[in-house]
Amino acid sequence: MYWYKRNSQHILKAIAILICNVTLFSCISTDPAQKKRAELFDLPSFFQSEIKSLKETNPTITKTVRKDSISEVQEIKIKNWDTELASFVAIDINKPAYSGYVDIDSVDNLVTYTITNPDLDLSCIQIQYKNGKANDIVIERKVKNSLYSTTELLEYRKNDSYTVEKNQAVKVVGENYYKIKGEF
């Protein structure tokens, strides 16, 4: 019986180590979609960084606002960059809804993310790199349901300009066109 008591302690230790290893390795994902998701560009962080920089530099911009055929241009300082660039910050290609529906194409310094599910609101994101850093970002969105359809084009050119262009067709109201462009 002595050998049983002595070896049982070693057996219990071995079982405990085995259980710990199984538990640790079960937490590591081998799902290809999860690995692919980790590779995608973090748009919200990029735009939060840009907002922080714009708040610090406080540039005067030439802002053009257009609704349908009426347009107005002003030179202004933006008081709230969070609100001004909210449409850009809201885009997050790493959301679980896009998982498995993103095709990535890379040519030279241009990376294109194409969303393959037409039921999702994003269509395409293009990121142009300059000196290894994201410089120009173009985002295409479309939303269509029984009440309205919207197409939206967002463009951000670092240290140059940003544009929010939207076509909207609402069943009862009709069609509207909006464009906001800010030039640094």
N, C-alpha and C. Protein backbone atom coordinates (compact mmCIF):
# COMPACT_ATOMS: atom_id res chain seq x y z
N MET A 1 0.81 -1.18 0.00
CA MET A 1 0.00 0.00 0.00
C MET A 1 0.87 1.27 0.00
N TYR A 2 2.07 1.14 0.54
CA TYR A 2 2.98 2.28 0.58
C TYR A 2 3.27 2.80 -0.82
N TRP A 3 3.53 1.91 -1.77
CA TRP A 3 3.83 2.34 -3.15
C TRP A 3 2.65 3.07 -3.77
N TYR A 4 1.44 2.67 -3.41
CA TYR A 4 0.24 3.32 -3.96
C TYR A 4 0.14 4.76 -3.47
N LYS A 5 0.36 4.97 -2.16
CA LYS A 5 0.27 6.34 -1.60
C LYS A 5 1.37 7.23 -2.18
N ARG A 6 2.56 6.69 -2.29
CA ARG A 6 3.67 7.48 -2.83
C ARG A 6 3.45 7.83 -4.30
N ASN A 7 3.01 6.93 -5.12
CA ASN A 7 2.78 7.17 -6.54
C ASN A 7 1.49 7.96 -6.78
N SER A 8 0.54 7.86 -5.88
CA SER A 8 -0.72 8.59 -6.09
C SER A 8 -0.48 10.10 -6.06
N GLN A 9 0.48 10.54 -5.25
CA GLN A 9 0.80 11.97 -5.22
C GLN A 9 1.37 12.41 -6.57
N HIS A 10 2.22 11.59 -7.16
CA HIS A 10 2.79 11.92 -8.48
C HIS A 10 1.71 11.88 -9.55
N ILE A 11 0.82 10.91 -9.44
CA ILE A 11 -0.27 10.80 -10.41
C ILE A 11 -1.18 12.01 -10.31
N LEU A 12 -1.51 12.43 -9.08
CA LEU A 12 -2.37 13.61 -8.90
C LEU A 12 -1.70 14.87 -9.45
N LYS A 13 -0.40 15.01 -9.23
CA LYS A 13 0.32 16.16 -9.78
C LYS A 13 0.29 16.14 -11.30
N ALA A 14 0.49 14.97 -11.89
CA ALA A 14 0.48 14.84 -13.34
C ALA A 14 -0.90 15.17 -13.90
N ILE A 15 -1.95 14.73 -13.24
CA ILE A 15 -3.32 15.02 -13.69
C ILE A 15 -3.59 16.52 -13.57
N ALA A 16 -3.15 17.14 -12.49
CA ALA A 16 -3.35 18.59 -12.31
C ALA A 16 -2.63 19.38 -13.40
N ILE A 17 -1.40 18.97 -13.73
CA ILE A 17 -0.66 19.64 -14.80
C ILE A 17 -1.36 19.46 -16.14
N LEU A 18 -1.85 18.26 -16.39
CA LEU A 18 -2.57 17.98 -17.63
C LEU A 18 -3.82 18.83 -17.74
N ILE A 19 -4.58 18.94 -16.67
CA ILE A 19 -5.81 19.76 -16.67
C ILE A 19 -5.47 21.23 -16.92
N CYS A 20 -4.41 21.72 -16.29
CA CYS A 20 -3.99 23.12 -16.51
C CYS A 20 -3.61 23.35 -17.96
N ASN A 21 -2.84 22.44 -18.55
CA ASN A 21 -2.44 22.58 -19.95
C ASN A 21 -3.63 22.55 -20.89
N VAL A 22 -4.55 21.64 -20.65
CA VAL A 22 -5.75 21.55 -21.50
C VAL A 22 -6.55 22.84 -21.39
N THR A 23 -6.69 23.36 -20.18
CA THR A 23 -7.44 24.60 -19.97
C THR A 23 -6.76 25.77 -20.69
N LEU A 24 -5.45 25.89 -20.55
CA LEU A 24 -4.73 27.00 -21.19
C LEU A 24 -4.81 26.90 -22.72
N PHE A 25 -4.58 25.73 -23.27
CA PHE A 25 -4.57 25.59 -24.72
C PHE A 25 -5.96 25.70 -25.32
N SER A 26 -7.01 25.44 -24.54
CA SER A 26 -8.36 25.59 -25.07
C SER A 26 -8.72 27.06 -25.23
N CYS A 27 -8.01 27.96 -24.54
CA CYS A 27 -8.26 29.40 -24.66
C CYS A 27 -7.61 29.99 -25.91
N ILE A 28 -6.68 29.30 -26.51
CA ILE A 28 -6.00 29.80 -27.70
C ILE A 28 -6.85 29.44 -28.91
N SER A 29 -7.24 30.46 -29.67
CA SER A 29 -8.11 30.24 -30.83
C SER A 29 -7.31 29.81 -32.05
N THR A 30 -7.81 28.79 -32.71
CA THR A 30 -7.23 28.38 -33.98
C THR A 30 -8.19 28.68 -35.12
N ASP A 31 -9.25 29.43 -34.81
CA ASP A 31 -10.24 29.81 -35.81
C ASP A 31 -9.60 30.78 -36.80
N PRO A 32 -9.56 30.43 -38.12
CA PRO A 32 -8.92 31.32 -39.10
C PRO A 32 -9.59 32.68 -39.19
N ALA A 33 -10.92 32.74 -39.00
CA ALA A 33 -11.61 34.03 -39.06
C ALA A 33 -11.12 34.94 -37.94
N GLN A 34 -10.87 34.37 -36.76
CA GLN A 34 -10.39 35.18 -35.64
C GLN A 34 -8.97 35.68 -35.91
N LYS A 35 -8.13 34.84 -36.50
CA LYS A 35 -6.78 35.27 -36.85
C LYS A 35 -6.83 36.36 -37.90
N LYS A 36 -7.72 36.21 -38.88
CA LYS A 36 -7.84 37.20 -39.96
C LYS A 36 -8.31 38.54 -39.38
N ARG A 37 -9.24 38.48 -38.41
CA ARG A 37 -9.76 39.69 -37.80
C ARG A 37 -8.64 40.49 -37.14
N ALA A 38 -7.68 39.82 -36.55
CA ALA A 38 -6.59 40.50 -35.88
C ALA A 38 -5.71 41.28 -36.87
N GLU A 39 -5.73 40.90 -38.13
CA GLU A 39 -4.90 41.54 -39.15
C GLU A 39 -5.51 42.83 -39.68
N LEU A 40 -6.80 43.07 -39.45
CA LEU A 40 -7.49 44.21 -40.05
C LEU A 40 -7.11 45.53 -39.38
N PHE A 41 -7.11 46.58 -40.17
CA PHE A 41 -6.72 47.91 -39.71
C PHE A 41 -7.72 48.41 -38.67
N ASP A 42 -7.22 49.05 -37.63
CA ASP A 42 -8.06 49.58 -36.55
C ASP A 42 -8.45 51.02 -36.86
N LEU A 43 -9.54 51.19 -37.60
CA LEU A 43 -10.00 52.52 -38.01
C LEU A 43 -10.37 53.42 -36.82
N PRO A 44 -11.15 52.93 -35.83
CA PRO A 44 -11.49 53.83 -34.72
C PRO A 44 -10.25 54.40 -34.01
N SER A 45 -9.24 53.58 -33.79
CA SER A 45 -8.02 54.07 -33.13
C SER A 45 -7.30 55.10 -34.00
N PHE A 46 -7.25 54.83 -35.31
CA PHE A 46 -6.61 55.77 -36.23
C PHE A 46 -7.30 57.13 -36.15
N PHE A 47 -8.64 57.14 -36.22
CA PHE A 47 -9.35 58.41 -36.22
C PHE A 47 -9.34 59.09 -34.85
N GLN A 48 -9.30 58.31 -33.77
CA GLN A 48 -9.16 58.92 -32.45
C GLN A 48 -7.81 59.63 -32.34
N SER A 49 -6.79 59.03 -32.91
CA SER A 49 -5.46 59.65 -32.93
C SER A 49 -5.48 60.93 -33.76
N GLU A 50 -6.15 60.90 -34.90
CA GLU A 50 -6.26 62.09 -35.74
C GLU A 50 -7.03 63.20 -35.03
N ILE A 51 -8.11 62.82 -34.34
CA ILE A 51 -8.90 63.81 -33.59
C ILE A 51 -8.04 64.46 -32.52
N LYS A 52 -7.27 63.66 -31.80
CA LYS A 52 -6.38 64.20 -30.76
C LYS A 52 -5.39 65.20 -31.37
N SER A 53 -4.81 64.83 -32.51
CA SER A 53 -3.86 65.71 -33.19
C SER A 53 -4.53 67.00 -33.66
N LEU A 54 -5.72 66.90 -34.21
CA LEU A 54 -6.44 68.08 -34.70
C LEU A 54 -6.85 69.01 -33.55
N LYS A 55 -7.19 68.43 -32.41
CA LYS A 55 -7.51 69.25 -31.24
C LYS A 55 -6.28 70.04 -30.80
N GLU A 56 -5.12 69.40 -30.86
CA GLU A 56 -3.89 70.06 -30.43
C GLU A 56 -3.45 71.16 -31.40
N THR A 57 -3.55 70.90 -32.71
CA THR A 57 -3.10 71.89 -33.69
C THR A 57 -4.16 72.94 -33.97
N ASN A 58 -5.42 72.60 -33.78
CA ASN A 58 -6.55 73.53 -33.97
C ASN A 58 -6.45 74.30 -35.30
N PRO A 59 -6.41 73.58 -36.43
CA PRO A 59 -6.24 74.27 -37.72
C PRO A 59 -7.49 75.03 -38.16
N THR A 60 -7.29 76.06 -38.95
CA THR A 60 -8.39 76.74 -39.61
C THR A 60 -8.65 75.95 -40.89
N ILE A 61 -9.90 75.61 -41.13
CA ILE A 61 -10.22 74.84 -42.33
C ILE A 61 -11.21 75.60 -43.20
N THR A 62 -11.18 75.27 -44.47
CA THR A 62 -12.18 75.76 -45.40
C THR A 62 -13.23 74.67 -45.48
N LYS A 63 -14.42 74.96 -44.97
CA LYS A 63 -15.47 73.95 -44.90
C LYS A 63 -16.59 74.29 -45.89
N THR A 64 -16.89 73.30 -46.73
CA THR A 64 -17.97 73.45 -47.70
C THR A 64 -19.09 72.49 -47.30
N VAL A 65 -20.29 73.04 -47.17
CA VAL A 65 -21.46 72.23 -46.85
C VAL A 65 -22.45 72.38 -48.00
N ARG A 66 -22.89 71.24 -48.51
CA ARG A 66 -23.82 71.26 -49.63
C ARG A 66 -25.00 70.35 -49.33
N LYS A 67 -26.21 70.86 -49.57
CA LYS A 67 -27.43 70.06 -49.48
C LYS A 67 -28.16 70.23 -50.79
N ASP A 68 -28.29 69.14 -51.51
CA ASP A 68 -28.86 69.14 -52.85
C ASP A 68 -28.08 70.12 -53.72
N SER A 69 -28.70 71.22 -54.16
CA SER A 69 -27.98 72.15 -55.04
C SER A 69 -27.51 73.41 -54.31
N ILE A 70 -27.77 73.52 -53.01
CA ILE A 70 -27.39 74.70 -52.24
C ILE A 70 -26.08 74.43 -51.53
N SER A 71 -25.13 75.36 -51.65
CA SER A 71 -23.80 75.16 -51.11
C SER A 71 -23.35 76.41 -50.35
N GLU A 72 -22.57 76.20 -49.28
CA GLU A 72 -22.03 77.31 -48.50
C GLU A 72 -20.59 76.98 -48.12
N VAL A 73 -19.71 77.99 -48.19
CA VAL A 73 -18.29 77.81 -47.87
C VAL A 73 -17.90 78.80 -46.78
N GLN A 74 -17.17 78.32 -45.77
CA GLN A 74 -16.69 79.18 -44.69
C GLN A 74 -15.30 78.75 -44.25
N GLU A 75 -14.53 79.71 -43.78
CA GLU A 75 -13.25 79.40 -43.14
C GLU A 75 -13.52 79.42 -41.64
N ILE A 76 -13.29 78.29 -40.99
CA ILE A 76 -13.63 78.19 -39.57
C ILE A 76 -12.61 77.33 -38.82
N LYS A 77 -12.70 77.41 -37.50
CA LYS A 77 -11.98 76.49 -36.61
C LYS A 77 -13.05 75.56 -36.03
N ILE A 78 -12.82 74.28 -36.12
CA ILE A 78 -13.78 73.30 -35.63
C ILE A 78 -13.69 73.25 -34.11
N LYS A 79 -14.83 73.41 -33.43
CA LYS A 79 -14.86 73.39 -31.97
C LYS A 79 -14.88 71.98 -31.41
N ASN A 80 -15.52 71.05 -32.15
CA ASN A 80 -15.65 69.69 -31.63
C ASN A 80 -15.28 68.68 -32.72
N TRP A 81 -14.03 68.26 -32.73
CA TRP A 81 -13.56 67.31 -33.74
C TRP A 81 -14.18 65.93 -33.56
N ASP A 82 -14.57 65.59 -32.32
CA ASP A 82 -15.23 64.30 -32.09
C ASP A 82 -16.52 64.22 -32.89
N THR A 83 -17.30 65.28 -32.87
CA THR A 83 -18.56 65.32 -33.62
C THR A 83 -18.28 65.42 -35.12
N GLU A 84 -17.31 66.23 -35.48
CA GLU A 84 -17.00 66.47 -36.90
C GLU A 84 -16.59 65.18 -37.61
N LEU A 85 -15.84 64.32 -36.94
CA LEU A 85 -15.36 63.09 -37.56
C LEU A 85 -16.06 61.84 -37.03
N ALA A 86 -17.23 62.01 -36.42
CA ALA A 86 -17.97 60.89 -35.83
C ALA A 86 -18.31 59.81 -36.85
N SER A 87 -18.62 60.18 -38.08
CA SER A 87 -18.94 59.19 -39.11
C SER A 87 -17.75 58.28 -39.40
N PHE A 88 -16.54 58.82 -39.28
CA PHE A 88 -15.33 58.03 -39.52
C PHE A 88 -15.04 57.10 -38.34
N VAL A 89 -15.18 57.63 -37.12
CA VAL A 89 -14.89 56.85 -35.92
C VAL A 89 -15.85 55.66 -35.80
N ALA A 90 -17.07 55.83 -36.29
CA ALA A 90 -18.10 54.78 -36.17
C ALA A 90 -17.79 53.55 -37.02
N ILE A 91 -16.91 53.67 -38.00
CA ILE A 91 -16.59 52.54 -38.88
C ILE A 91 -15.56 51.65 -38.19
N ASP A 92 -15.92 50.40 -37.99
CA ASP A 92 -15.02 49.44 -37.35
C ASP A 92 -15.12 48.10 -38.07
N ILE A 93 -14.18 47.83 -38.94
CA ILE A 93 -14.17 46.60 -39.74
C ILE A 93 -13.87 45.37 -38.88
N ASN A 94 -13.46 45.58 -37.63
CA ASN A 94 -13.17 44.47 -36.73
C ASN A 94 -14.39 44.01 -35.93
N LYS A 95 -15.56 44.59 -36.19
CA LYS A 95 -16.77 44.14 -35.51
C LYS A 95 -17.06 42.69 -35.89
N PRO A 96 -17.58 41.92 -34.97
CA PRO A 96 -17.88 40.52 -35.26
C PRO A 96 -18.82 40.32 -36.46
N ALA A 97 -19.68 41.27 -36.74
CA ALA A 97 -20.61 41.14 -37.88
C ALA A 97 -19.89 40.98 -39.20
N TYR A 98 -18.68 41.54 -39.33
CA TYR A 98 -17.92 41.46 -40.58
C TYR A 98 -17.02 40.23 -40.66
N SER A 99 -16.89 39.52 -39.57
CA SER A 99 -16.00 38.36 -39.51
C SER A 99 -16.36 37.34 -40.58
N GLY A 100 -15.39 36.97 -41.38
CA GLY A 100 -15.59 36.00 -42.44
C GLY A 100 -16.09 36.59 -43.74
N TYR A 101 -16.38 37.88 -43.77
CA TYR A 101 -16.92 38.53 -44.96
C TYR A 101 -15.98 39.59 -45.53
N VAL A 102 -14.72 39.57 -45.14
CA VAL A 102 -13.78 40.60 -45.58
C VAL A 102 -12.71 39.97 -46.46
N ASP A 103 -12.64 40.44 -47.71
CA ASP A 103 -11.55 40.05 -48.61
C ASP A 103 -10.52 41.17 -48.58
N ILE A 104 -9.25 40.79 -48.51
CA ILE A 104 -8.17 41.77 -48.44
C ILE A 104 -7.33 41.67 -49.71
N ASP A 105 -7.11 42.82 -50.34
CA ASP A 105 -6.26 42.88 -51.52
C ASP A 105 -5.23 43.98 -51.28
N SER A 106 -3.98 43.68 -51.56
CA SER A 106 -2.92 44.65 -51.33
C SER A 106 -2.06 44.78 -52.58
N VAL A 107 -1.93 46.02 -53.06
CA VAL A 107 -1.10 46.31 -54.22
C VAL A 107 -0.26 47.53 -53.86
N ASP A 108 1.06 47.40 -53.97
CA ASP A 108 1.98 48.49 -53.62
C ASP A 108 1.64 49.03 -52.23
N ASN A 109 1.24 50.28 -52.14
CA ASN A 109 0.93 50.91 -50.86
C ASN A 109 -0.58 51.07 -50.64
N LEU A 110 -1.39 50.30 -51.34
CA LEU A 110 -2.84 50.38 -51.23
C LEU A 110 -3.40 49.05 -50.74
N VAL A 111 -4.16 49.10 -49.64
CA VAL A 111 -4.83 47.92 -49.12
C VAL A 111 -6.33 48.15 -49.27
N THR A 112 -7.02 47.17 -49.88
CA THR A 112 -8.46 47.27 -50.09
C THR A 112 -9.15 46.15 -49.33
N TYR A 113 -10.10 46.53 -48.48
CA TYR A 113 -10.94 45.58 -47.76
C TYR A 113 -12.31 45.61 -48.43
N THR A 114 -12.72 44.48 -49.01
CA THR A 114 -14.02 44.40 -49.66
C THR A 114 -14.93 43.50 -48.84
N ILE A 115 -16.12 43.98 -48.53
CA ILE A 115 -17.08 43.21 -47.75
C ILE A 115 -17.91 42.39 -48.73
N THR A 116 -17.92 41.08 -48.54
CA THR A 116 -18.55 40.17 -49.49
C THR A 116 -20.01 39.89 -49.20
N ASN A 117 -20.51 40.30 -48.05
CA ASN A 117 -21.92 40.08 -47.72
C ASN A 117 -22.71 41.35 -48.04
N PRO A 118 -23.59 41.31 -49.05
CA PRO A 118 -24.33 42.52 -49.44
C PRO A 118 -25.34 42.99 -48.39
N ASP A 119 -25.63 42.17 -47.40
CA ASP A 119 -26.56 42.57 -46.35
C ASP A 119 -25.92 43.47 -45.29
N LEU A 120 -24.59 43.55 -45.31
CA LEU A 120 -23.89 44.40 -44.35
C LEU A 120 -23.76 45.82 -44.89
N ASP A 121 -23.60 46.79 -43.99
CA ASP A 121 -23.60 48.19 -44.39
C ASP A 121 -22.31 48.65 -45.07
N LEU A 122 -21.18 48.03 -44.79
CA LEU A 122 -19.94 48.43 -45.44
C LEU A 122 -19.79 47.73 -46.78
N SER A 123 -19.26 48.45 -47.76
CA SER A 123 -18.98 47.85 -49.07
C SER A 123 -17.49 47.67 -49.27
N CYS A 124 -16.73 48.75 -49.00
CA CYS A 124 -15.31 48.73 -49.31
C CYS A 124 -14.58 49.77 -48.47
N ILE A 125 -13.35 49.43 -48.09
CA ILE A 125 -12.47 50.38 -47.41
C ILE A 125 -11.12 50.30 -48.11
N GLN A 126 -10.61 51.45 -48.52
CA GLN A 126 -9.28 51.51 -49.14
C GLN A 126 -8.38 52.38 -48.28
N ILE A 127 -7.19 51.86 -48.02
CA ILE A 127 -6.22 52.59 -47.22
C ILE A 127 -4.93 52.72 -48.02
N GLN A 128 -4.56 53.95 -48.30
CA GLN A 128 -3.32 54.25 -49.02
C GLN A 128 -2.26 54.59 -47.97
N TYR A 129 -1.13 53.92 -48.05
CA TYR A 129 -0.05 54.14 -47.10
C TYR A 129 1.02 55.04 -47.72
N LYS A 130 1.61 55.86 -46.86
CA LYS A 130 2.72 56.73 -47.26
C LYS A 130 3.77 56.61 -46.17
N ASN A 131 4.98 56.26 -46.55
CA ASN A 131 6.07 56.05 -45.59
C ASN A 131 5.68 55.04 -44.51
N GLY A 132 4.93 54.02 -44.90
CA GLY A 132 4.55 52.95 -43.98
C GLY A 132 3.39 53.27 -43.05
N LYS A 133 2.79 54.45 -43.19
CA LYS A 133 1.67 54.83 -42.31
C LYS A 133 0.43 55.14 -43.15
N ALA A 134 -0.74 54.86 -42.59
CA ALA A 134 -1.99 55.15 -43.28
C ALA A 134 -2.07 56.65 -43.55
N ASN A 135 -2.38 57.01 -44.79
CA ASN A 135 -2.43 58.41 -45.17
C ASN A 135 -3.80 58.80 -45.73
N ASP A 136 -4.31 58.02 -46.67
CA ASP A 136 -5.60 58.31 -47.29
C ASP A 136 -6.53 57.12 -47.04
N ILE A 137 -7.74 57.42 -46.58
CA ILE A 137 -8.72 56.36 -46.31
C ILE A 137 -10.02 56.72 -47.01
N VAL A 138 -10.54 55.75 -47.78
CA VAL A 138 -11.81 55.92 -48.48
C VAL A 138 -12.73 54.78 -48.03
N ILE A 139 -13.93 55.14 -47.58
CA ILE A 139 -14.89 54.17 -47.06
C ILE A 139 -16.19 54.30 -47.83
N GLU A 140 -16.71 53.19 -48.32
CA GLU A 140 -18.00 53.16 -49.00
C GLU A 140 -18.98 52.37 -48.16
N ARG A 141 -20.13 52.99 -47.89
CA ARG A 141 -21.19 52.33 -47.11
C ARG A 141 -22.49 52.39 -47.89
N LYS A 142 -23.34 51.42 -47.63
CA LYS A 142 -24.69 51.47 -48.18
C LYS A 142 -25.63 50.76 -47.22
N VAL A 143 -26.78 51.36 -47.02
CA VAL A 143 -27.80 50.79 -46.15
C VAL A 143 -29.10 50.81 -46.94
N LYS A 144 -29.76 49.68 -46.98
CA LYS A 144 -31.03 49.60 -47.70
C LYS A 144 -32.00 48.77 -46.88
N ASN A 145 -33.17 49.35 -46.65
CA ASN A 145 -34.23 48.61 -45.99
C ASN A 145 -35.56 49.04 -46.59
N SER A 146 -36.66 48.64 -45.99
CA SER A 146 -37.97 48.93 -46.58
C SER A 146 -38.34 50.41 -46.53
N LEU A 147 -37.71 51.21 -45.66
CA LEU A 147 -38.05 52.63 -45.53
C LEU A 147 -37.13 53.56 -46.31
N TYR A 148 -35.86 53.22 -46.41
CA TYR A 148 -34.92 54.12 -47.07
C TYR A 148 -33.71 53.37 -47.59
N SER A 149 -32.97 54.06 -48.45
CA SER A 149 -31.66 53.55 -48.87
C SER A 149 -30.69 54.72 -48.81
N THR A 150 -29.48 54.41 -48.39
CA THR A 150 -28.45 55.43 -48.23
C THR A 150 -27.14 54.89 -48.80
N THR A 151 -26.47 55.72 -49.56
CA THR A 151 -25.09 55.41 -49.94
C THR A 151 -24.23 56.54 -49.37
N GLU A 152 -23.10 56.16 -48.85
CA GLU A 152 -22.23 57.14 -48.19
C GLU A 152 -20.79 56.89 -48.61
N LEU A 153 -20.11 57.97 -48.91
CA LEU A 153 -18.69 57.92 -49.26
C LEU A 153 -17.95 58.81 -48.27
N LEU A 154 -17.02 58.21 -47.55
CA LEU A 154 -16.21 58.96 -46.59
C LEU A 154 -14.77 58.94 -47.08
N GLU A 155 -14.14 60.10 -47.13
CA GLU A 155 -12.74 60.19 -47.55
C GLU A 155 -11.98 61.02 -46.52
N TYR A 156 -10.84 60.50 -46.14
CA TYR A 156 -9.97 61.24 -45.21
C TYR A 156 -8.56 61.22 -45.78
N ARG A 157 -8.03 62.40 -46.01
CA ARG A 157 -6.67 62.55 -46.52
C ARG A 157 -5.88 63.30 -45.45
N LYS A 158 -4.99 62.58 -44.79
CA LYS A 158 -4.24 63.13 -43.65
C LYS A 158 -3.57 64.45 -44.01
N ASN A 159 -3.77 65.44 -43.16
CA ASN A 159 -3.20 66.79 -43.31
C ASN A 159 -3.64 67.50 -44.59
N ASP A 160 -4.73 67.05 -45.20
CA ASP A 160 -5.20 67.65 -46.44
C ASP A 160 -6.70 67.96 -46.38
N SER A 161 -7.54 66.90 -46.24
CA SER A 161 -8.99 67.13 -46.30
C SER A 161 -9.76 65.93 -45.78
N TYR A 162 -11.05 66.15 -45.56
CA TYR A 162 -11.98 65.07 -45.25
C TYR A 162 -13.30 65.38 -45.94
N THR A 163 -13.99 64.33 -46.36
CA THR A 163 -15.26 64.49 -47.07
C THR A 163 -16.26 63.46 -46.59
N VAL A 164 -17.49 63.90 -46.38
CA VAL A 164 -18.62 63.02 -46.09
C VAL A 164 -19.67 63.33 -47.15
N GLU A 165 -19.94 62.36 -47.99
CA GLU A 165 -20.89 62.54 -49.09
C GLU A 165 -21.98 61.48 -48.96
N LYS A 166 -23.24 61.92 -48.97
CA LYS A 166 -24.33 60.99 -48.71
C LYS A 166 -25.49 61.23 -49.67
N ASN A 167 -25.96 60.15 -50.28
CA ASN A 167 -27.20 60.15 -51.07
C ASN A 167 -28.22 59.35 -50.29
N GLN A 168 -29.39 59.94 -50.08
CA GLN A 168 -30.40 59.26 -49.27
C GLN A 168 -31.75 59.33 -49.98
N ALA A 169 -32.41 58.20 -50.05
CA ALA A 169 -33.75 58.13 -50.64
C ALA A 169 -34.69 57.55 -49.59
N VAL A 170 -35.60 58.40 -49.11
CA VAL A 170 -36.57 57.98 -48.11
C VAL A 170 -37.92 57.88 -48.82
N LYS A 171 -38.65 56.79 -48.57
CA LYS A 171 -39.88 56.52 -49.32
C LYS A 171 -40.86 57.68 -49.33
N VAL A 172 -41.21 58.22 -48.22
CA VAL A 172 -42.23 59.27 -48.16
C VAL A 172 -41.64 60.65 -48.45
N VAL A 173 -40.41 60.91 -48.03
CA VAL A 173 -39.78 62.22 -48.12
C VAL A 173 -39.16 62.49 -49.49
N GLY A 174 -38.57 61.49 -50.10
CA GLY A 174 -37.89 61.66 -51.38
C GLY A 174 -36.38 61.54 -51.23
N GLU A 175 -35.67 62.12 -52.20
CA GLU A 175 -34.21 61.99 -52.23
C GLU A 175 -33.51 63.24 -51.72
N ASN A 176 -32.39 63.03 -51.05
CA ASN A 176 -31.55 64.11 -50.54
C ASN A 176 -30.10 63.80 -50.84
N TYR A 177 -29.32 64.86 -51.05
CA TYR A 177 -27.89 64.74 -51.28
C TYR A 177 -27.19 65.69 -50.31
N TYR A 178 -26.19 65.17 -49.59
CA TYR A 178 -25.42 65.97 -48.65
C TYR A 178 -23.94 65.78 -48.94
N LYS A 179 -23.19 66.85 -48.78
CA LYS A 179 -21.75 66.75 -48.90
C LYS A 179 -21.10 67.76 -47.98
N ILE A 180 -20.19 67.26 -47.15
CA ILE A 180 -19.41 68.13 -46.27
C ILE A 180 -17.96 67.89 -46.61
N LYS A 181 -17.24 68.96 -46.88
CA LYS A 181 -15.82 68.83 -47.18
C LYS A 181 -15.05 69.86 -46.36
N GLY A 182 -14.04 69.38 -45.68
CA GLY A 182 -13.16 70.26 -44.92
C GLY A 182 -11.76 70.16 -45.49
N GLU A 183 -11.15 71.31 -45.79
CA GLU A 183 -9.79 71.33 -46.32
C GLU A 183 -8.89 72.06 -45.34
N PHE A 184 -7.78 71.42 -44.98
CA PHE A 184 -6.85 72.01 -44.02
C PHE A 184 -5.97 73.04 -44.70
